[in-house]
Amino acid sequence: MADSSFDVVSKLDRQEVDNALNQAAKEVANRFDFRNVDAGIKWSGESIDIQANTEERANAVLDVLKDKLVKRGISLKAIDPGEPKLSGKLYKLGVGLKEGIAQEDAKKISKIIREEGPKGVKAQIQGDELRVSSKKKDDLQDVIALLKGKDLDVALQFVNYR
């Protein structure tokens, strides 16, 4: 009998991020406390740019974005906000998006599976994802529960379960 397996990945649903960004931009445009303060949020290539006339307002716009991302089911571990920097008259804040599992994180996850997971479960690092395989499907579900219970620095999804 062939081994059962699944992949552990860290991917973003770009459409959901775009929807959250558009909702946040609409809220910033309509909210009373953001009127006449040059507050805004928009895409900038692969990252998100936030601007406002004070550092506090830039952070407030970031909070609005975080709220919208959570409502759309996107983990806050998938974003990497920078610090507000003064640029001319405005404070600008860049928010990077993190996708893929870094090599050291993949090694950490693999070690957790080896040490705390059921016996006979194998984890292989394949680029920016991790393939977990076992003879028993129940063991794979135990591994998923184990990883969901851990507080890791990456947003994990479990795909290709077979």
N, C-alpha and C. Protein backbone atom coordinates (compact mmCIF):
# COMPACT_ATOMS: atom_id res chain seq x y z
N MET A 1 0.84 -1.19 0.00
CA MET A 1 0.00 0.00 0.00
C MET A 1 0.88 1.25 0.00
N ALA A 2 0.51 2.23 -0.78
CA ALA A 2 1.31 3.46 -0.89
C ALA A 2 1.14 4.33 0.35
N ASP A 3 2.15 5.13 0.61
CA ASP A 3 2.07 6.06 1.74
C ASP A 3 1.05 7.16 1.47
N SER A 4 0.39 7.60 2.53
CA SER A 4 -0.45 8.78 2.46
C SER A 4 0.43 9.99 2.75
N SER A 5 0.05 11.15 2.21
CA SER A 5 0.90 12.32 2.44
C SER A 5 0.09 13.61 2.34
N PHE A 6 0.70 14.69 2.81
CA PHE A 6 0.17 16.04 2.61
C PHE A 6 1.34 17.00 2.60
N ASP A 7 1.10 18.21 2.10
CA ASP A 7 2.14 19.23 2.04
C ASP A 7 1.82 20.34 3.05
N VAL A 8 2.87 20.80 3.72
CA VAL A 8 2.75 21.95 4.61
C VAL A 8 3.32 23.13 3.83
N VAL A 9 2.47 24.15 3.58
CA VAL A 9 2.90 25.30 2.79
C VAL A 9 2.54 26.59 3.54
N SER A 10 3.10 27.69 3.06
CA SER A 10 2.74 29.01 3.57
C SER A 10 2.49 29.89 2.35
N LYS A 11 1.23 29.95 1.95
CA LYS A 11 0.85 30.72 0.77
C LYS A 11 -0.25 31.72 1.14
N LEU A 12 -0.31 32.80 0.39
CA LEU A 12 -1.35 33.82 0.58
C LEU A 12 -2.35 33.74 -0.55
N ASP A 13 -3.61 33.95 -0.23
CA ASP A 13 -4.63 34.10 -1.25
C ASP A 13 -4.62 35.57 -1.66
N ARG A 14 -3.98 35.88 -2.78
CA ARG A 14 -3.80 37.27 -3.22
C ARG A 14 -5.14 38.00 -3.36
N GLN A 15 -6.15 37.28 -3.82
CA GLN A 15 -7.46 37.93 -4.00
C GLN A 15 -8.03 38.38 -2.66
N GLU A 16 -7.88 37.54 -1.62
CA GLU A 16 -8.38 37.92 -0.30
C GLU A 16 -7.59 39.10 0.27
N VAL A 17 -6.27 39.12 0.05
CA VAL A 17 -5.45 40.25 0.50
C VAL A 17 -5.89 41.52 -0.23
N ASP A 18 -6.13 41.41 -1.52
CA ASP A 18 -6.59 42.56 -2.31
C ASP A 18 -7.95 43.05 -1.81
N ASN A 19 -8.85 42.12 -1.52
CA ASN A 19 -10.17 42.50 -1.00
C ASN A 19 -10.03 43.22 0.34
N ALA A 20 -9.19 42.69 1.23
CA ALA A 20 -8.97 43.31 2.54
C ALA A 20 -8.38 44.71 2.38
N LEU A 21 -7.43 44.85 1.44
CA LEU A 21 -6.81 46.15 1.19
C LEU A 21 -7.85 47.15 0.68
N ASN A 22 -8.71 46.72 -0.25
CA ASN A 22 -9.74 47.62 -0.78
C ASN A 22 -10.73 48.02 0.30
N GLN A 23 -11.10 47.08 1.17
CA GLN A 23 -12.01 47.41 2.28
C GLN A 23 -11.36 48.40 3.23
N ALA A 24 -10.07 48.19 3.53
CA ALA A 24 -9.35 49.09 4.43
C ALA A 24 -9.25 50.48 3.80
N ALA A 25 -8.97 50.56 2.50
CA ALA A 25 -8.86 51.85 1.82
C ALA A 25 -10.20 52.59 1.86
N LYS A 26 -11.29 51.85 1.68
CA LYS A 26 -12.62 52.46 1.72
C LYS A 26 -12.93 52.99 3.12
N GLU A 27 -12.58 52.21 4.14
CA GLU A 27 -12.82 52.65 5.52
C GLU A 27 -11.99 53.88 5.87
N VAL A 28 -10.71 53.89 5.45
CA VAL A 28 -9.83 55.03 5.71
C VAL A 28 -10.38 56.28 5.01
N ALA A 29 -10.90 56.12 3.80
CA ALA A 29 -11.43 57.27 3.06
C ALA A 29 -12.70 57.82 3.72
N ASN A 30 -13.48 56.96 4.38
CA ASN A 30 -14.77 57.40 4.93
C ASN A 30 -14.75 57.74 6.42
N ARG A 31 -13.74 57.28 7.15
CA ARG A 31 -13.76 57.51 8.60
C ARG A 31 -13.46 58.96 8.96
N PHE A 32 -14.17 59.44 9.95
CA PHE A 32 -14.05 60.84 10.37
C PHE A 32 -12.64 61.17 10.86
N ASP A 33 -12.03 60.26 11.64
CA ASP A 33 -10.71 60.58 12.21
C ASP A 33 -9.58 60.54 11.18
N PHE A 34 -9.85 60.07 9.95
CA PHE A 34 -8.83 60.08 8.90
C PHE A 34 -9.05 61.18 7.88
N ARG A 35 -10.03 62.07 8.10
CA ARG A 35 -10.29 63.16 7.14
C ARG A 35 -9.20 64.21 7.23
N ASN A 36 -8.78 64.70 6.10
CA ASN A 36 -7.80 65.79 5.98
C ASN A 36 -6.45 65.49 6.65
N VAL A 37 -6.05 64.23 6.66
CA VAL A 37 -4.75 63.88 7.25
C VAL A 37 -3.86 63.15 6.24
N ASP A 38 -4.27 63.16 4.97
CA ASP A 38 -3.51 62.50 3.90
C ASP A 38 -3.28 61.03 4.18
N ALA A 39 -4.21 60.38 4.87
CA ALA A 39 -4.06 58.95 5.17
C ALA A 39 -4.46 58.15 3.93
N GLY A 40 -3.70 57.11 3.64
CA GLY A 40 -4.01 56.28 2.49
C GLY A 40 -3.31 54.94 2.58
N ILE A 41 -3.81 53.99 1.78
CA ILE A 41 -3.23 52.64 1.73
C ILE A 41 -3.38 52.14 0.30
N LYS A 42 -2.29 51.55 -0.26
CA LYS A 42 -2.35 51.08 -1.63
C LYS A 42 -1.28 50.03 -1.88
N TRP A 43 -1.45 49.29 -2.99
CA TRP A 43 -0.44 48.33 -3.41
C TRP A 43 0.79 49.07 -3.91
N SER A 44 1.95 48.47 -3.67
CA SER A 44 3.20 48.99 -4.23
C SER A 44 4.02 47.79 -4.68
N GLY A 45 3.76 47.30 -5.87
CA GLY A 45 4.42 46.09 -6.33
C GLY A 45 3.92 44.89 -5.54
N GLU A 46 4.82 44.22 -4.86
CA GLU A 46 4.48 43.03 -4.07
C GLU A 46 4.20 43.36 -2.61
N SER A 47 4.27 44.64 -2.24
CA SER A 47 4.03 45.01 -0.85
C SER A 47 2.91 46.06 -0.79
N ILE A 48 2.57 46.46 0.42
CA ILE A 48 1.50 47.42 0.65
C ILE A 48 2.12 48.68 1.27
N ASP A 49 1.74 49.84 0.74
CA ASP A 49 2.23 51.11 1.28
C ASP A 49 1.13 51.82 2.04
N ILE A 50 1.47 52.31 3.23
CA ILE A 50 0.54 53.08 4.06
C ILE A 50 1.17 54.44 4.28
N GLN A 51 0.35 55.49 4.21
CA GLN A 51 0.88 56.83 4.48
C GLN A 51 -0.12 57.63 5.29
N ALA A 52 0.40 58.55 6.12
CA ALA A 52 -0.43 59.46 6.91
C ALA A 52 0.46 60.61 7.37
N ASN A 53 -0.17 61.65 7.95
CA ASN A 53 0.63 62.81 8.34
C ASN A 53 1.29 62.65 9.70
N THR A 54 0.90 61.66 10.51
CA THR A 54 1.59 61.38 11.78
C THR A 54 1.87 59.89 11.90
N GLU A 55 2.81 59.59 12.76
CA GLU A 55 3.19 58.19 12.99
C GLU A 55 2.01 57.40 13.56
N GLU A 56 1.27 58.03 14.48
CA GLU A 56 0.13 57.35 15.11
C GLU A 56 -0.96 57.02 14.10
N ARG A 57 -1.22 57.96 13.18
CA ARG A 57 -2.27 57.72 12.17
C ARG A 57 -1.83 56.63 11.20
N ALA A 58 -0.52 56.57 10.87
CA ALA A 58 -0.03 55.49 9.99
C ALA A 58 -0.24 54.14 10.67
N ASN A 59 0.04 54.08 11.97
CA ASN A 59 -0.19 52.83 12.72
C ASN A 59 -1.68 52.52 12.82
N ALA A 60 -2.52 53.54 12.91
CA ALA A 60 -3.97 53.32 12.96
C ALA A 60 -4.47 52.73 11.64
N VAL A 61 -3.93 53.20 10.51
CA VAL A 61 -4.30 52.63 9.21
C VAL A 61 -3.84 51.17 9.14
N LEU A 62 -2.65 50.89 9.69
CA LEU A 62 -2.17 49.50 9.74
C LEU A 62 -3.13 48.63 10.56
N ASP A 63 -3.63 49.16 11.68
CA ASP A 63 -4.59 48.40 12.50
C ASP A 63 -5.87 48.11 11.72
N VAL A 64 -6.33 49.08 10.92
CA VAL A 64 -7.52 48.86 10.09
C VAL A 64 -7.25 47.72 9.10
N LEU A 65 -6.06 47.73 8.46
CA LEU A 65 -5.69 46.67 7.51
C LEU A 65 -5.65 45.31 8.21
N LYS A 66 -5.03 45.26 9.39
CA LYS A 66 -4.95 43.99 10.13
C LYS A 66 -6.34 43.46 10.45
N ASP A 67 -7.24 44.35 10.86
CA ASP A 67 -8.61 43.96 11.17
C ASP A 67 -9.28 43.34 9.94
N LYS A 68 -9.11 43.96 8.79
CA LYS A 68 -9.73 43.46 7.55
C LYS A 68 -9.11 42.13 7.13
N LEU A 69 -7.80 41.97 7.32
CA LEU A 69 -7.14 40.70 6.97
C LEU A 69 -7.66 39.56 7.84
N VAL A 70 -7.81 39.81 9.14
CA VAL A 70 -8.30 38.78 10.04
C VAL A 70 -9.73 38.38 9.68
N LYS A 71 -10.56 39.38 9.34
CA LYS A 71 -11.94 39.08 8.96
C LYS A 71 -12.00 38.24 7.68
N ARG A 72 -11.00 38.34 6.83
CA ARG A 72 -10.97 37.59 5.58
C ARG A 72 -10.21 36.26 5.74
N GLY A 73 -9.83 35.93 6.96
CA GLY A 73 -9.21 34.62 7.22
C GLY A 73 -7.73 34.54 6.87
N ILE A 74 -7.03 35.67 6.84
CA ILE A 74 -5.60 35.68 6.55
C ILE A 74 -4.84 35.90 7.85
N SER A 75 -3.90 35.02 8.13
CA SER A 75 -3.13 35.11 9.36
C SER A 75 -2.23 36.34 9.36
N LEU A 76 -2.12 36.98 10.51
CA LEU A 76 -1.24 38.16 10.62
C LEU A 76 0.23 37.77 10.59
N LYS A 77 0.52 36.46 10.69
CA LYS A 77 1.90 36.00 10.56
C LYS A 77 2.38 36.12 9.12
N ALA A 78 1.46 36.30 8.19
CA ALA A 78 1.81 36.39 6.77
C ALA A 78 2.19 37.81 6.34
N ILE A 79 2.07 38.79 7.26
CA ILE A 79 2.48 40.16 6.91
C ILE A 79 3.68 40.56 7.75
N ASP A 80 4.46 41.47 7.19
CA ASP A 80 5.68 41.93 7.85
C ASP A 80 5.71 43.46 7.82
N PRO A 81 5.01 44.12 8.79
CA PRO A 81 4.98 45.59 8.76
C PRO A 81 6.30 46.20 9.21
N GLY A 82 6.70 47.26 8.53
CA GLY A 82 7.91 47.97 8.91
C GLY A 82 7.58 49.07 9.92
N GLU A 83 8.52 49.95 10.13
CA GLU A 83 8.32 51.10 11.01
C GLU A 83 7.96 52.31 10.17
N PRO A 84 7.09 53.21 10.69
CA PRO A 84 6.77 54.43 9.94
C PRO A 84 8.01 55.32 9.83
N LYS A 85 8.29 55.78 8.60
CA LYS A 85 9.44 56.66 8.36
C LYS A 85 8.95 57.96 7.75
N LEU A 86 9.53 59.06 8.20
CA LEU A 86 9.15 60.37 7.67
C LEU A 86 9.73 60.53 6.27
N SER A 87 8.85 60.86 5.31
CA SER A 87 9.27 61.07 3.93
C SER A 87 8.60 62.36 3.45
N GLY A 88 9.35 63.44 3.46
CA GLY A 88 8.74 64.74 3.15
C GLY A 88 7.84 65.16 4.30
N LYS A 89 6.55 65.39 4.00
CA LYS A 89 5.61 65.78 5.06
C LYS A 89 4.85 64.58 5.62
N LEU A 90 4.97 63.42 4.97
CA LEU A 90 4.17 62.26 5.35
C LEU A 90 5.01 61.15 5.97
N TYR A 91 4.37 60.39 6.85
CA TYR A 91 4.98 59.17 7.37
C TYR A 91 4.56 58.03 6.46
N LYS A 92 5.54 57.25 6.01
CA LYS A 92 5.24 56.10 5.15
C LYS A 92 5.63 54.83 5.86
N LEU A 93 4.80 53.82 5.66
CA LEU A 93 5.01 52.54 6.32
C LEU A 93 4.83 51.45 5.27
N GLY A 94 5.82 50.59 5.11
CA GLY A 94 5.73 49.48 4.16
C GLY A 94 5.34 48.20 4.87
N VAL A 95 4.44 47.44 4.24
CA VAL A 95 4.00 46.16 4.80
C VAL A 95 4.35 45.08 3.78
N GLY A 96 5.32 44.23 4.13
CA GLY A 96 5.71 43.13 3.25
C GLY A 96 4.80 41.93 3.45
N LEU A 97 4.68 41.11 2.43
CA LEU A 97 3.89 39.88 2.50
C LEU A 97 4.84 38.69 2.46
N LYS A 98 4.65 37.75 3.40
CA LYS A 98 5.55 36.61 3.50
C LYS A 98 4.87 35.36 2.93
N GLU A 99 5.55 34.74 1.97
CA GLU A 99 5.06 33.48 1.41
C GLU A 99 6.21 32.48 1.39
N GLY A 100 5.87 31.22 1.49
CA GLY A 100 6.89 30.17 1.49
C GLY A 100 7.45 29.97 2.88
N ILE A 101 7.96 28.77 3.11
CA ILE A 101 8.55 28.44 4.41
C ILE A 101 10.06 28.54 4.25
N ALA A 102 10.68 29.39 5.05
CA ALA A 102 12.13 29.54 5.01
C ALA A 102 12.81 28.23 5.43
N GLN A 103 14.04 28.04 4.98
CA GLN A 103 14.77 26.79 5.24
C GLN A 103 14.88 26.48 6.73
N GLU A 104 15.22 27.49 7.55
CA GLU A 104 15.37 27.22 8.99
C GLU A 104 14.03 26.90 9.65
N ASP A 105 12.94 27.54 9.18
CA ASP A 105 11.61 27.21 9.70
C ASP A 105 11.21 25.80 9.30
N ALA A 106 11.53 25.42 8.06
CA ALA A 106 11.22 24.06 7.59
C ALA A 106 11.97 23.02 8.42
N LYS A 107 13.22 23.32 8.77
CA LYS A 107 14.00 22.39 9.61
C LYS A 107 13.39 22.29 11.00
N LYS A 108 12.94 23.44 11.54
CA LYS A 108 12.31 23.46 12.86
C LYS A 108 11.03 22.61 12.87
N ILE A 109 10.20 22.78 11.83
CA ILE A 109 8.94 22.03 11.73
C ILE A 109 9.24 20.54 11.58
N SER A 110 10.22 20.21 10.76
CA SER A 110 10.60 18.81 10.56
C SER A 110 11.08 18.18 11.87
N LYS A 111 11.84 18.94 12.65
CA LYS A 111 12.33 18.46 13.95
C LYS A 111 11.17 18.21 14.91
N ILE A 112 10.18 19.13 14.93
CA ILE A 112 9.00 18.95 15.78
C ILE A 112 8.27 17.66 15.41
N ILE A 113 8.11 17.43 14.09
CA ILE A 113 7.41 16.22 13.63
C ILE A 113 8.18 14.98 14.05
N ARG A 114 9.51 14.99 13.90
CA ARG A 114 10.33 13.83 14.28
C ARG A 114 10.26 13.55 15.77
N GLU A 115 10.37 14.61 16.59
CA GLU A 115 10.46 14.41 18.03
C GLU A 115 9.11 14.19 18.71
N GLU A 116 8.07 14.93 18.28
CA GLU A 116 6.80 14.88 18.99
C GLU A 116 5.70 14.16 18.23
N GLY A 117 5.91 13.93 16.95
CA GLY A 117 4.88 13.29 16.13
C GLY A 117 4.89 11.78 16.31
N PRO A 118 3.90 11.11 15.72
CA PRO A 118 3.83 9.65 15.79
C PRO A 118 5.02 9.01 15.09
N LYS A 119 5.36 7.80 15.49
CA LYS A 119 6.47 7.07 14.86
C LYS A 119 6.08 6.69 13.43
N GLY A 120 7.04 6.63 12.55
CA GLY A 120 6.78 6.23 11.18
C GLY A 120 6.33 7.37 10.28
N VAL A 121 6.33 8.59 10.80
CA VAL A 121 5.97 9.74 9.97
C VAL A 121 7.27 10.37 9.46
N LYS A 122 7.32 10.60 8.14
CA LYS A 122 8.52 11.19 7.54
C LYS A 122 8.20 12.58 7.02
N ALA A 123 9.15 13.51 7.20
CA ALA A 123 8.99 14.88 6.68
C ALA A 123 10.17 15.19 5.79
N GLN A 124 9.88 15.65 4.56
CA GLN A 124 10.93 16.00 3.61
C GLN A 124 10.76 17.46 3.21
N ILE A 125 11.88 18.20 3.20
CA ILE A 125 11.84 19.59 2.77
C ILE A 125 11.95 19.62 1.25
N GLN A 126 10.99 20.29 0.59
CA GLN A 126 11.00 20.40 -0.87
C GLN A 126 10.87 21.87 -1.25
N GLY A 127 11.99 22.54 -1.38
CA GLY A 127 11.98 23.96 -1.71
C GLY A 127 11.41 24.77 -0.56
N ASP A 128 10.30 25.48 -0.80
CA ASP A 128 9.70 26.30 0.26
C ASP A 128 8.46 25.64 0.86
N GLU A 129 8.39 24.31 0.75
CA GLU A 129 7.30 23.58 1.40
C GLU A 129 7.83 22.28 2.00
N LEU A 130 6.97 21.60 2.72
CA LEU A 130 7.36 20.40 3.45
C LEU A 130 6.38 19.29 3.11
N ARG A 131 6.87 18.12 2.71
CA ARG A 131 6.01 16.98 2.41
C ARG A 131 6.07 16.03 3.61
N VAL A 132 4.91 15.72 4.17
CA VAL A 132 4.81 14.82 5.31
C VAL A 132 4.12 13.55 4.84
N SER A 133 4.73 12.39 5.09
CA SER A 133 4.13 11.14 4.64
C SER A 133 4.16 10.09 5.74
N SER A 134 3.21 9.15 5.64
CA SER A 134 3.09 8.08 6.62
C SER A 134 2.25 6.96 6.01
N LYS A 135 2.34 5.78 6.60
CA LYS A 135 1.52 4.66 6.14
C LYS A 135 0.07 4.83 6.58
N LYS A 136 -0.14 5.50 7.75
CA LYS A 136 -1.49 5.64 8.31
C LYS A 136 -1.98 7.08 8.18
N LYS A 137 -3.21 7.23 7.70
CA LYS A 137 -3.79 8.57 7.59
C LYS A 137 -4.05 9.19 8.96
N ASP A 138 -4.34 8.37 9.96
CA ASP A 138 -4.58 8.89 11.31
C ASP A 138 -3.34 9.59 11.84
N ASP A 139 -2.15 9.04 11.54
CA ASP A 139 -0.91 9.68 11.97
C ASP A 139 -0.75 11.06 11.33
N LEU A 140 -1.15 11.17 10.07
CA LEU A 140 -1.06 12.47 9.39
C LEU A 140 -1.98 13.49 10.05
N GLN A 141 -3.17 13.06 10.44
CA GLN A 141 -4.08 13.98 11.11
C GLN A 141 -3.54 14.39 12.47
N ASP A 142 -2.84 13.46 13.14
CA ASP A 142 -2.20 13.81 14.42
C ASP A 142 -1.11 14.87 14.21
N VAL A 143 -0.37 14.75 13.10
CA VAL A 143 0.69 15.72 12.79
C VAL A 143 0.09 17.10 12.51
N ILE A 144 -1.02 17.13 11.77
CA ILE A 144 -1.69 18.40 11.49
C ILE A 144 -2.14 19.06 12.80
N ALA A 145 -2.74 18.26 13.69
CA ALA A 145 -3.18 18.79 14.99
C ALA A 145 -1.99 19.29 15.81
N LEU A 146 -0.89 18.54 15.77
CA LEU A 146 0.33 18.93 16.48
C LEU A 146 0.85 20.28 15.99
N LEU A 147 0.93 20.45 14.66
CA LEU A 147 1.46 21.69 14.09
C LEU A 147 0.52 22.87 14.32
N LYS A 148 -0.79 22.62 14.29
CA LYS A 148 -1.74 23.70 14.57
C LYS A 148 -1.62 24.17 16.02
N GLY A 149 -1.24 23.26 16.92
CA GLY A 149 -1.12 23.60 18.33
C GLY A 149 0.17 24.35 18.66
N LYS A 150 1.15 24.29 17.77
CA LYS A 150 2.43 24.97 18.01
C LYS A 150 2.34 26.44 17.61
N ASP A 151 3.06 27.30 18.33
CA ASP A 151 3.10 28.72 17.99
C ASP A 151 4.34 28.97 17.14
N LEU A 152 4.18 28.82 15.83
CA LEU A 152 5.30 29.00 14.90
C LEU A 152 5.25 30.40 14.30
N ASP A 153 6.36 30.84 13.71
CA ASP A 153 6.46 32.18 13.16
C ASP A 153 5.89 32.30 11.75
N VAL A 154 5.37 31.21 11.19
CA VAL A 154 4.83 31.24 9.83
C VAL A 154 3.38 30.81 9.83
N ALA A 155 2.62 31.34 8.88
CA ALA A 155 1.22 30.94 8.70
C ALA A 155 1.25 29.66 7.86
N LEU A 156 0.74 28.56 8.41
CA LEU A 156 0.79 27.27 7.73
C LEU A 156 -0.56 26.87 7.16
N GLN A 157 -0.53 26.26 5.98
CA GLN A 157 -1.71 25.62 5.40
C GLN A 157 -1.32 24.19 5.06
N PHE A 158 -2.32 23.31 5.08
CA PHE A 158 -2.07 21.90 4.80
C PHE A 158 -2.84 21.55 3.53
N VAL A 159 -2.11 21.18 2.46
CA VAL A 159 -2.72 20.94 1.15
C VAL A 159 -2.31 19.58 0.61
N ASN A 160 -2.95 19.17 -0.47
CA ASN A 160 -2.64 17.91 -1.18
C ASN A 160 -2.73 16.70 -0.27
N TYR A 161 -3.74 16.67 0.57
CA TYR A 161 -3.91 15.52 1.48
C TYR A 161 -4.40 14.33 0.67
N ARG A 162 -3.60 13.25 0.65
CA ARG A 162 -4.02 12.04 -0.07
C ARG A 162 -3.54 10.80 0.65
